[in-house]
Amino acid sequence: MTLKAIFEPGSVAIIGASSTPDKWGNILLKNLLSNGFKGHVYPVNPKEKTILGTVCYPSVLDIPDPVDMALIAVPRSHALLVAKECGIKGVQGIIMVTAGFSETGDKGREPEKKLMEIIDRYDMRLVGPNTLGVVNAHIGMNASIISRLPEPGGISFITQSGTLGLALVDWTMEMGIGLHIVVSTGNKSNIDDVDLLTYLASDPKTDVIAMYVEGINRGREFIKVAKEISKPILVVKSGRTRSGSKAVFSHTGSMAGADEVYSAAFKQAGIIRVDNIENLFDSALALSVQPAPYGNRVGILSNGGGASIIASDACERMGLIIPALQDYTRQKIREYIPEYASARNPIDSAGLATYDVYNGIVKQMLLDPNIDALIVIYVDAVVNDAALPAQAIVDIHRGKCNKPIIACWMGGTGTRAGVDILEKGGLPNYPVPERAVIALKSLVQHNGFLEKVKV
């Protein structure tokens, strides 16, 4: 059965809805009602007549209309009965926030087994149990306890840790990164990573898939499915150390497995493995808005020599090449920089950061056949306006540039006007050169996977 009923439902029953503030049943209902979701919402609680101004029903069976998806937040002692009633009602998808199943160890495995028997008997699909919910930003659906709905974007995020997922969604909003689908997988007892990858592969609004993984249930199928997906897949895999592996097992009951095995498997499937959460979303941002480069040759422009040197060192450490520019390119660049400045890659404009200087140099570097991608750095100084060089490269990007441009505007509050222009213009921006280089490396890596791994 398709997962559309879960991620794109026309109607949702919130079973365990509550009129008590701060209870999960209240938070879930409030989030679903307050973000522009256009589907029908049905609170279910036998003790209430209305909640938050919405008619409440004693049971899902009492709802007079069809229900696509049920969001369940009842005690575990009631969860199996509620799931059975959903099956009788004809509900197609369930998001079960209720915890206390296999993640608790042996005492929770038998109830989870019985829950799965009900799910299978009525041909339903289930996210969880022990999940913090699902978000679809493009349809205004916040079926989760995430406090704010992200801005719609092209990144879909799968997280095995609910609380970490909450924090990360808030972090992406602060960073100005748009998201599409966010799913907290919980115990993966019915819907797991393979199912989610399959769905997101054909989802037209998902450009990049980002994942936080502690363990994978169906390893061979996961690799097979991932290899067939041309969209970028980025993964942070925790439990790399012995202590981390033990923590993973106690957290979700997942067997972390040998870290080297995961690394080899990800590479075989064309999955980009990153070291940490910051790298995950930095890379996802670049991959969601920039074209893949044809190779690993990088041009660098900066108005400060120190920043360009840091970027050059980072590129070399990560296997990216800083090539020499063609003679014609260097001659043209000389028209924009002082006589004492160098026209060799990386370019240092010797403090100049006007619109014409950045626009002219970037255009010439992009035309150079030795350059596959560009990192443009601006180091803030009181004599410059951070908005001017930002507008210069945004105007080039809007002109259907076919080579990726990664921006790095350094300097805190003084760069805010420039950063706003970059974000609105669809250019990824990073506060330090190393993060810009890591994001660019992921672009290069994905292009290599498309050429050599993806089928």
Foldseek 3Di string as FASTA:
>chain_A
DACCLAQPNQEEEEEPQDQDPPDLNPLLVCQQPPQQQNHHYEYEDLVDQDHPRHGHHPAPLPPPDQHAEYEYDDELVCVQVNLLSCLVSLHAEYEALHDDAPLQPPVRPVSLVSSVVSCVVSNHAYQAHNAQGKDFLVNRGDSGNQNDRFAAAQEAEEECDRVVLSVLSVVCRVVLHHYGMYTHRYLCSGPFPLSVLVNLLPDPSHQEYEYEEAAHDDLVSNLVSLLQRLRAYEYEYWPQDVVRQVVSCSRRVHRRDHPVVVVVSCVLSLHHYDHDDLLRVLQVLLSRQAAFFPAQEEAEEEQDPVQQVVLQVLSVVLVGHDDWFDPVLLVQLPVQADPPFGSTGNGHRPNDQALCNLLRNVVSQLPTPRHRAYEYEYEDDPVDQLQGSLVSVLVVVVVVRRGAYAYAYEDPPSNVNSVVSCSVSSHHYHHGSNSSSSSSSSSNSSVVCSVPRRD
